[in-house]
N, C-alpha and C. Protein backbone atom coordinates (compact mmCIF):
# COMPACT_ATOMS: atom_id res chain seq x y z
N UNK A 1 -47.42 -44.50 5.34
CA UNK A 1 -47.09 -44.42 5.96
C UNK A 1 -45.84 -44.75 5.69
N UNK A 2 -45.13 -45.42 5.43
CA UNK A 2 -44.32 -45.26 4.07
C UNK A 2 -43.69 -44.83 3.41
N UNK A 3 -44.90 -44.65 2.27
CA UNK A 3 -44.28 -43.43 1.35
C UNK A 3 -44.54 -41.75 2.18
N UNK A 4 -44.97 -42.02 2.94
CA UNK A 4 -45.52 -39.86 3.79
C UNK A 4 -43.96 -39.88 4.45
N UNK A 5 -43.35 -41.13 5.04
CA UNK A 5 -41.97 -40.67 5.51
C UNK A 5 -40.16 -40.28 4.19
N UNK A 6 -40.68 -41.30 3.30
CA UNK A 6 -40.13 -41.04 2.13
C UNK A 6 -40.02 -39.08 1.60
N UNK A 7 -41.17 -39.62 1.75
CA UNK A 7 -41.44 -37.36 0.73
C UNK A 7 -40.85 -37.32 1.55
N UNK A 8 -41.05 -36.87 3.02
CA UNK A 8 -40.74 -35.91 3.86
C UNK A 8 -39.62 -35.65 3.69
N UNK A 9 -38.37 -37.30 3.77
CA UNK A 9 -37.34 -36.89 4.10
C UNK A 9 -36.76 -36.50 2.86
N UNK A 10 -36.93 -36.51 1.22
CA UNK A 10 -36.92 -35.92 0.52
C UNK A 10 -37.77 -34.53 0.29
N UNK A 11 -38.23 -33.89 0.77
CA UNK A 11 -37.70 -32.16 1.05
C UNK A 11 -37.43 -31.93 2.36
N UNK A 12 -36.73 -33.06 3.80
CA UNK A 12 -36.44 -32.14 4.09
C UNK A 12 -34.59 -32.00 3.29
N UNK A 13 -34.31 -33.44 2.53
CA UNK A 13 -32.55 -33.21 1.67
C UNK A 13 -32.96 -32.06 0.93
N UNK A 14 -33.88 -32.01 0.57
CA UNK A 14 -33.87 -30.49 -0.87
C UNK A 14 -34.30 -28.97 -0.33
N UNK A 15 -34.44 -29.00 0.69
CA UNK A 15 -35.04 -28.32 1.84
C UNK A 15 -33.22 -27.51 2.02
N UNK A 16 -32.75 -28.53 2.25
CA UNK A 16 -31.42 -28.60 3.18
C UNK A 16 -30.05 -28.69 1.42
N UNK A 17 -30.87 -28.84 0.74
CA UNK A 17 -29.79 -28.40 -0.79
C UNK A 17 -29.58 -26.76 -0.93
N UNK A 18 -30.94 -26.27 -0.62
CA UNK A 18 -31.35 -25.72 -1.15
C UNK A 18 -30.91 -24.10 -0.29
N UNK A 19 -31.07 -24.75 0.65
CA UNK A 19 -30.54 -23.80 1.94
C UNK A 19 -28.91 -23.24 1.69
N UNK A 20 -27.98 -25.30 1.67
CA UNK A 20 -26.23 -24.79 1.44
C UNK A 20 -26.25 -23.63 0.66
N UNK A 21 -27.18 -24.09 -1.00
CA UNK A 21 -27.16 -23.08 -2.14
C UNK A 21 -27.03 -21.67 -2.17
N UNK A 22 -27.38 -22.10 -0.97
CA UNK A 22 -28.13 -20.31 -1.44
C UNK A 22 -27.20 -19.37 -0.34
N UNK A 23 -26.88 -20.73 0.41
CA UNK A 23 -25.23 -19.48 2.00
C UNK A 23 -24.25 -19.49 0.56
N UNK A 24 -24.31 -20.55 -0.36
CA UNK A 24 -22.45 -20.39 -0.41
C UNK A 24 -23.24 -20.28 -1.77
N UNK A 25 -23.88 -19.23 -2.40
CA UNK A 25 -24.44 -17.93 -3.03
C UNK A 25 -23.97 -16.27 -2.79
N UNK A 26 -25.19 -16.38 -2.14
CA UNK A 26 -24.04 -15.40 -0.71
C UNK A 26 -22.83 -14.88 -1.03
N UNK A 27 -21.55 -16.16 0.18
CA UNK A 27 -20.43 -15.66 0.46
C UNK A 27 -19.80 -15.34 -0.69
N UNK A 28 -20.15 -15.97 -2.32
CA UNK A 28 -18.75 -15.65 -3.33
C UNK A 28 -19.41 -14.81 -3.67
N UNK A 29 -20.98 -14.71 -3.28
CA UNK A 29 -21.01 -13.13 -3.48
C UNK A 29 -20.31 -12.00 -3.39
N UNK A 30 -20.38 -11.28 -1.61
CA UNK A 30 -20.00 -10.95 -1.06
C UNK A 30 -18.53 -11.04 -0.95
N UNK A 31 -17.84 -12.46 -1.04
CA UNK A 31 -16.20 -12.11 -1.89
C UNK A 31 -15.85 -12.07 -3.28
N UNK A 32 -17.06 -11.44 -3.91
CA UNK A 32 -16.55 -10.91 -5.22
C UNK A 32 -16.87 -10.25 -5.14
N UNK A 33 -17.38 -8.91 -4.44
CA UNK A 33 -17.78 -7.10 -3.63
C UNK A 33 -16.74 -7.45 -3.24
N UNK A 34 -16.07 -7.74 -2.21
CA UNK A 34 -14.70 -7.28 -1.85
C UNK A 34 -14.09 -7.55 -2.72
N UNK A 35 -13.66 -8.42 -2.71
CA UNK A 35 -12.28 -8.35 -4.07
C UNK A 35 -12.67 -6.80 -4.98
N UNK A 36 -13.99 -7.15 -5.80
CA UNK A 36 -13.74 -6.13 -6.51
C UNK A 36 -13.81 -4.60 -5.71
N UNK A 37 -13.42 -4.10 -4.38
CA UNK A 37 -14.27 -2.74 -4.10
C UNK A 37 -12.31 -3.14 -3.33
N UNK A 38 -11.16 -4.36 -3.18
CA UNK A 38 -10.07 -4.52 -2.99
C UNK A 38 -9.50 -3.22 -3.87
N UNK A 39 -10.03 -3.85 -5.61
CA UNK A 39 -8.63 -3.87 -6.86
C UNK A 39 -9.37 -2.14 -7.00
N UNK A 40 -9.90 -1.88 -6.48
CA UNK A 40 -11.19 -0.39 -6.65
C UNK A 40 -9.83 0.89 -5.62
N UNK A 41 -9.73 0.48 -4.28
CA UNK A 41 -9.19 1.19 -3.36
C UNK A 41 -7.55 0.93 -4.37
N UNK A 42 -6.75 0.19 -4.34
CA UNK A 42 -5.95 0.23 -4.72
C UNK A 42 -5.10 0.88 -5.55
N UNK A 43 -6.84 0.52 -6.98
CA UNK A 43 -6.18 1.69 -8.18
C UNK A 43 -6.31 3.58 -7.70
N UNK A 44 -7.29 3.27 -6.88
CA UNK A 44 -7.47 4.87 -6.30
C UNK A 44 -6.16 5.64 -4.90
N UNK A 45 -5.44 3.30 -4.79
CA UNK A 45 -4.65 4.56 -3.73
C UNK A 45 -2.38 4.63 -4.72
N UNK A 46 -3.20 3.72 -5.57
CA UNK A 46 -1.87 3.55 -6.83
C UNK A 46 -1.64 5.64 -7.22
N UNK A 47 -2.93 5.73 -7.57
CA UNK A 47 -2.41 6.35 -8.68
C UNK A 47 -2.90 7.72 -7.68
N UNK A 48 -3.03 8.10 -6.28
CA UNK A 48 -2.70 9.10 -5.88
C UNK A 48 -1.72 9.21 -4.97
N UNK A 49 -0.71 7.97 -4.91
CA UNK A 49 0.41 7.86 -4.37
C UNK A 49 1.56 8.32 -5.64
N UNK A 50 0.81 7.85 -6.81
CA UNK A 50 1.64 7.91 -8.04
C UNK A 50 1.91 9.80 -8.46
N UNK A 51 -0.09 10.60 -8.22
CA UNK A 51 -0.15 12.00 -8.53
C UNK A 51 0.57 12.72 -8.16
N UNK A 52 0.95 11.96 -7.04
CA UNK A 52 1.69 13.08 -5.38
C UNK A 52 2.96 12.72 -5.65
N UNK A 53 3.71 12.12 -6.23
CA UNK A 53 5.24 11.91 -6.31
C UNK A 53 5.59 11.72 -8.24
N UNK A 54 5.00 12.56 -8.56
CA UNK A 54 5.38 13.25 -10.14
C UNK A 54 6.35 13.98 -10.24
N UNK A 55 7.28 13.87 -10.96
CA UNK A 55 8.61 14.55 -11.07
C UNK A 55 9.82 13.77 -10.36
N UNK A 56 9.60 13.05 -9.40
CA UNK A 56 10.05 12.15 -9.19
C UNK A 56 9.92 10.99 -8.38
N UNK A 57 9.24 10.49 -9.36
CA UNK A 57 8.50 8.80 -9.18
C UNK A 57 8.20 8.88 -10.62
N UNK A 58 8.83 7.64 -11.14
CA UNK A 58 8.68 7.06 -11.56
C UNK A 58 10.33 7.80 -11.71
N UNK A 59 11.60 7.92 -11.26
CA UNK A 59 12.83 8.10 -11.04
C UNK A 59 13.47 7.51 -12.86
N UNK A 60 13.72 8.98 -13.20
CA UNK A 60 14.04 9.13 -15.18
C UNK A 60 15.23 9.39 -15.40
N UNK A 61 15.80 10.39 -14.67
CA UNK A 61 17.27 11.19 -13.85
C UNK A 61 18.37 10.01 -13.61
N UNK A 62 19.41 9.79 -13.55
CA UNK A 62 21.04 10.04 -12.86
C UNK A 62 20.62 10.54 -11.27
N UNK A 63 20.33 11.90 -11.27
CA UNK A 63 20.34 12.47 -9.91
C UNK A 63 19.11 13.37 -10.04
N UNK A 64 19.44 14.10 -8.13
CA UNK A 64 17.07 14.98 -8.73
C UNK A 64 18.62 16.17 -8.50
N UNK A 65 17.17 17.23 -8.90
CA UNK A 65 17.52 18.45 -8.87
C UNK A 65 17.46 18.91 -7.35
N UNK A 66 17.52 19.88 -7.28
CA UNK A 66 18.62 19.62 -5.62
C UNK A 66 17.03 21.00 -5.27
N UNK A 67 15.92 21.49 -6.42
CA UNK A 67 14.86 21.96 -6.12
C UNK A 67 13.65 20.80 -5.97
N UNK A 68 14.13 19.69 -6.49
CA UNK A 68 13.03 18.59 -5.79
C UNK A 68 13.04 18.10 -3.74
N UNK A 69 13.51 19.17 -3.33
CA UNK A 69 13.71 18.29 -2.37
C UNK A 69 12.73 18.48 -0.90
N UNK A 70 11.93 19.77 -1.46
CA UNK A 70 10.94 20.16 -1.06
C UNK A 70 9.34 19.42 -1.51
N UNK A 71 9.33 19.28 -1.89
CA UNK A 71 8.57 17.81 -2.77
C UNK A 71 8.67 16.72 -1.98
N UNK A 72 9.81 16.00 -1.40
CA UNK A 72 10.30 14.65 -0.71
C UNK A 72 9.16 15.38 1.00
N UNK A 73 9.43 16.13 0.85
CA UNK A 73 8.48 16.68 2.59
C UNK A 73 7.22 16.39 2.58
N UNK A 74 6.52 17.47 1.38
CA UNK A 74 4.74 17.58 1.22
C UNK A 74 4.58 16.34 1.26
N UNK A 75 5.64 15.73 -0.09
CA UNK A 75 4.88 14.23 -0.03
C UNK A 75 3.45 12.79 0.95
N UNK A 76 4.81 13.67 2.37
CA UNK A 76 4.81 12.62 3.37
C UNK A 76 3.10 12.92 4.00
N UNK A 77 1.90 13.89 4.07
CA UNK A 77 1.63 13.93 4.94
C UNK A 77 -0.17 13.62 3.65
N UNK A 78 0.41 13.47 2.56
CA UNK A 78 -0.76 12.75 1.67
C UNK A 78 -0.29 11.49 1.43
N UNK A 79 0.64 10.91 1.33
CA UNK A 79 1.11 9.60 0.95
C UNK A 79 0.12 9.21 2.43
N UNK A 80 0.54 9.61 3.59
CA UNK A 80 0.73 8.93 5.43
C UNK A 80 -0.40 9.47 5.12
N UNK A 81 -1.39 9.70 4.30
CA UNK A 81 -3.54 9.72 4.32
C UNK A 81 -4.20 8.82 3.65
N UNK A 82 -3.39 8.67 2.23
CA UNK A 82 -3.38 7.82 1.31
C UNK A 82 -3.46 6.42 2.05
N UNK A 83 -2.56 5.94 2.44
CA UNK A 83 -2.11 4.79 3.47
C UNK A 83 -3.50 4.00 4.33
N UNK A 84 -2.99 5.45 5.24
CA UNK A 84 -4.44 5.68 6.46
C UNK A 84 -6.20 4.92 5.98
N UNK A 85 -5.93 4.83 4.74
CA UNK A 85 -7.78 5.04 3.96
C UNK A 85 -7.51 3.50 3.24
N UNK A 86 -6.33 3.54 2.84
CA UNK A 86 -5.60 2.12 2.37
C UNK A 86 -6.06 1.02 3.50
N UNK A 87 -5.66 0.84 4.31
CA UNK A 87 -5.07 0.29 5.80
C UNK A 87 -5.92 -0.35 5.02
N UNK A 88 -7.45 -0.15 5.79
CA UNK A 88 -8.38 -1.19 5.93
C UNK A 88 -8.36 -2.71 5.38
N UNK A 89 -8.25 -2.51 3.79
CA UNK A 89 -8.63 -3.39 2.89
C UNK A 89 -6.90 -4.49 2.37
N UNK A 90 -5.99 -4.02 3.51
CA UNK A 90 -4.63 -5.62 3.24
C UNK A 90 -4.32 -5.93 4.91
N UNK A 91 -3.82 -7.60 4.40
CA UNK A 91 -3.98 -8.19 5.41
C UNK A 91 -2.75 -8.10 6.48
N UNK A 92 -1.49 -7.55 5.93
CA UNK A 92 -0.19 -7.26 6.67
C UNK A 92 0.02 -5.99 7.07
N UNK A 93 -1.07 -5.26 7.80
CA UNK A 93 -0.51 -4.33 8.44
C UNK A 93 0.87 -3.25 8.89
N UNK A 94 1.34 -4.80 9.68
CA UNK A 94 2.36 -4.02 10.49
C UNK A 94 3.22 -3.62 9.27
N UNK A 95 2.86 -4.92 8.09
CA UNK A 95 4.06 -4.28 6.86
C UNK A 95 3.34 -3.37 6.41
N UNK A 96 3.25 -2.44 5.88
CA UNK A 96 2.11 -1.62 5.66
C UNK A 96 2.60 -0.57 6.02
N UNK A 97 2.55 -1.09 7.84
CA UNK A 97 2.91 1.03 8.26
C UNK A 97 4.83 0.85 8.22
N UNK A 98 5.30 -0.10 8.68
CA UNK A 98 6.91 -0.24 8.02
C UNK A 98 7.25 0.31 6.92
N UNK A 99 6.63 -0.04 5.87
CA UNK A 99 6.89 0.18 4.34
C UNK A 99 6.57 2.06 4.47
N UNK A 100 5.69 2.26 4.87
CA UNK A 100 4.86 3.88 5.03
C UNK A 100 6.28 5.01 6.76
N UNK A 101 6.54 4.57 7.19
CA UNK A 101 7.75 5.18 8.10
C UNK A 101 8.82 4.58 7.78
N UNK A 102 9.54 4.47 7.35
CA UNK A 102 10.70 3.88 5.82
C UNK A 102 10.66 5.42 5.11
N UNK A 103 9.71 5.27 3.88
CA UNK A 103 9.18 6.30 3.63
C UNK A 103 9.23 7.34 3.90
N UNK A 104 8.54 7.49 5.01
CA UNK A 104 9.02 9.27 6.34
C UNK A 104 10.28 9.88 6.46
N UNK A 105 10.35 8.71 6.66
CA UNK A 105 12.21 8.96 7.34
C UNK A 105 13.36 9.20 6.88
N UNK A 106 12.37 8.09 5.11
CA UNK A 106 13.85 8.57 4.02
C UNK A 106 13.01 10.09 2.96
N UNK A 107 12.07 10.67 3.48
CA UNK A 107 11.61 12.18 2.98
C UNK A 107 12.27 13.31 3.96
N UNK A 108 12.50 12.70 5.40
CA UNK A 108 13.07 13.64 6.86
C UNK A 108 13.99 13.78 5.95
N UNK A 109 14.90 12.70 5.59
CA UNK A 109 16.40 12.49 5.56
C UNK A 109 17.10 13.51 4.25
N UNK A 110 16.13 12.94 3.41
CA UNK A 110 15.69 14.21 2.13
C UNK A 110 16.20 15.77 2.42
N UNK A 111 14.94 16.79 2.79
CA UNK A 111 14.62 17.44 3.74
C UNK A 111 16.24 18.19 4.63
N UNK A 112 16.76 17.12 5.60
CA UNK A 112 17.51 17.35 6.34
C UNK A 112 19.16 17.66 5.39
N UNK A 113 19.02 16.34 4.43
CA UNK A 113 20.18 16.94 3.69
C UNK A 113 20.33 18.13 2.99
N UNK A 114 19.44 18.78 2.25
CA UNK A 114 19.10 19.46 1.60
C UNK A 114 19.93 20.89 2.37
N UNK A 115 19.49 20.99 3.69
CA UNK A 115 19.88 22.10 4.69
C UNK A 115 21.21 21.68 5.52
N UNK A 116 21.64 20.55 5.25
CA UNK A 116 22.55 19.77 6.13
C UNK A 116 23.91 21.40 5.82
N UNK A 117 24.94 21.47 4.10
CA UNK A 117 25.34 22.27 3.84
C UNK A 117 25.40 23.64 5.53
N UNK A 118 24.77 24.31 5.56
CA UNK A 118 25.00 25.14 5.48
C UNK A 118 24.91 25.62 7.29
N UNK A 119 24.57 23.90 7.71
CA UNK A 119 24.72 23.81 8.98
C UNK A 119 26.06 23.38 10.07
N UNK A 120 27.30 22.80 8.96
CA UNK A 120 28.02 21.80 9.51
C UNK A 120 29.61 23.37 9.53
N UNK A 121 30.39 22.75 10.04
CA UNK A 121 31.43 23.09 10.99
C UNK A 121 32.51 23.10 9.40
N UNK A 122 33.19 23.99 8.82
CA UNK A 122 34.18 23.63 7.61
C UNK A 122 35.27 23.21 8.78
N UNK A 123 35.78 23.25 9.98
CA UNK A 123 36.88 22.54 10.08
C UNK A 123 36.94 21.64 11.26
N UNK A 124 35.06 20.46 10.52
CA UNK A 124 35.14 19.90 11.54
C UNK A 124 35.46 17.99 10.42
N UNK A 125 35.52 16.92 11.04
CA UNK A 125 36.45 16.14 10.45
C UNK A 125 35.68 14.57 10.78
N UNK A 126 35.21 14.64 9.68
CA UNK A 126 33.88 13.22 10.54
C UNK A 126 34.39 11.73 9.17
N UNK A 127 34.21 10.53 9.79
CA UNK A 127 34.64 9.84 8.56
C UNK A 127 33.83 9.29 8.04
N UNK A 128 33.82 9.26 6.44
CA UNK A 128 33.66 9.39 5.61
C UNK A 128 32.65 7.82 5.81
N UNK A 129 31.49 8.32 5.78
CA UNK A 129 30.45 6.58 5.61
C UNK A 129 30.05 6.52 4.35
N UNK A 130 30.06 5.21 3.97
CA UNK A 130 30.06 4.28 2.47
C UNK A 130 27.79 4.58 2.10
N UNK A 131 28.22 5.81 1.41
CA UNK A 131 26.49 5.73 1.34
C UNK A 131 25.55 4.78 -0.03
N UNK A 132 24.95 4.80 0.25
CA UNK A 132 24.05 3.50 -0.41
C UNK A 132 23.19 4.48 -1.30
N UNK A 133 23.64 4.63 -2.89
CA UNK A 133 22.43 4.96 -3.89
C UNK A 133 21.24 5.34 -3.46
N UNK A 134 20.60 6.81 -3.15
CA UNK A 134 19.73 7.15 -2.22
C UNK A 134 18.60 6.97 -3.66
N UNK A 135 18.52 7.26 -4.87
CA UNK A 135 17.70 6.98 -5.92
C UNK A 135 17.89 5.97 -6.03
N UNK A 136 18.29 4.76 -5.35
CA UNK A 136 17.79 3.18 -6.12
C UNK A 136 17.30 3.09 -4.66
N UNK A 137 17.71 3.74 -2.77
CA UNK A 137 16.68 3.39 -2.88
C UNK A 137 15.53 4.23 -2.28
N UNK A 138 15.24 5.47 -2.82
CA UNK A 138 13.75 6.06 -2.50
C UNK A 138 12.80 5.58 -4.16
N UNK A 139 13.40 4.33 -5.02
CA UNK A 139 12.85 3.89 -6.05
C UNK A 139 11.95 2.47 -5.02
N UNK A 140 12.80 1.65 -4.56
CA UNK A 140 12.83 0.78 -3.65
C UNK A 140 11.69 1.11 -2.61
N UNK A 141 11.53 1.82 -2.05
CA UNK A 141 11.05 1.94 -0.72
C UNK A 141 9.16 2.05 -1.38
N UNK A 142 9.61 3.20 -2.31
CA UNK A 142 8.06 3.34 -3.19
C UNK A 142 6.94 2.27 -3.97
N UNK A 143 8.13 0.95 -4.93
CA UNK A 143 8.15 -0.15 -5.31
C UNK A 143 7.05 -1.06 -4.49
N UNK A 144 7.42 -0.68 -3.12
CA UNK A 144 7.51 -2.22 -2.18
C UNK A 144 6.12 -1.40 -1.45
N UNK A 145 6.14 0.32 -1.54
CA UNK A 145 4.38 0.86 -1.35
C UNK A 145 3.60 0.63 -2.46
N UNK A 146 4.33 0.63 -3.69
CA UNK A 146 3.07 -0.15 -5.07
C UNK A 146 2.67 -1.07 -4.61
N UNK A 147 3.18 -2.37 -4.08
CA UNK A 147 3.85 -3.35 -3.08
C UNK A 147 1.42 -4.00 -2.85
N UNK A 148 1.74 -3.29 -2.13
CA UNK A 148 0.53 -3.60 -0.86
C UNK A 148 -0.67 -3.07 -2.33
N UNK A 149 -0.65 -2.78 -3.22
CA UNK A 149 -2.28 -2.92 -4.42
C UNK A 149 -2.24 -4.17 -4.68
N UNK A 150 -1.09 -5.51 -4.76
CA UNK A 150 -1.27 -6.27 -6.29
C UNK A 150 -1.79 -7.49 -4.62
N UNK A 151 -2.90 -8.42 -5.18
CA UNK A 151 -3.55 -9.30 -3.78
C UNK A 151 -2.50 -9.77 -3.60
N UNK A 152 -2.39 -10.31 -2.76
CA UNK A 152 -2.42 -11.62 -1.91
C UNK A 152 -2.20 -12.88 -1.70
């Protein structure tokens, strides 16, 4: 009787160990699949953003040609779509939303600044505003957007 009892305990322990081992292996497989999917989607997002901004990012010249300004406005819906598709894989969604809003606002300012000289009054006086370097600002905004492709 004692021998049967110890065999049952041995079998029970073996089954429990096997069960926990299979659960751990399954969770590890899911984790790896999720990590690989993030890497794939991050690469897709990064390449889509860089392809959309070709010619204006990475910034190679100290100033932009004014003919590039329409490209800023045209890039907004494409990059917003890429962000919407990639958003599922990001933990910090609010931070990503803030980054795309900052990008959209910057591009709208670029489009406005291009048309602004034609709409100003010649006799109006305005206080000179200290301006940040627009190229450096753009570089920082896009770098921040692309930083989401790095797993945190």
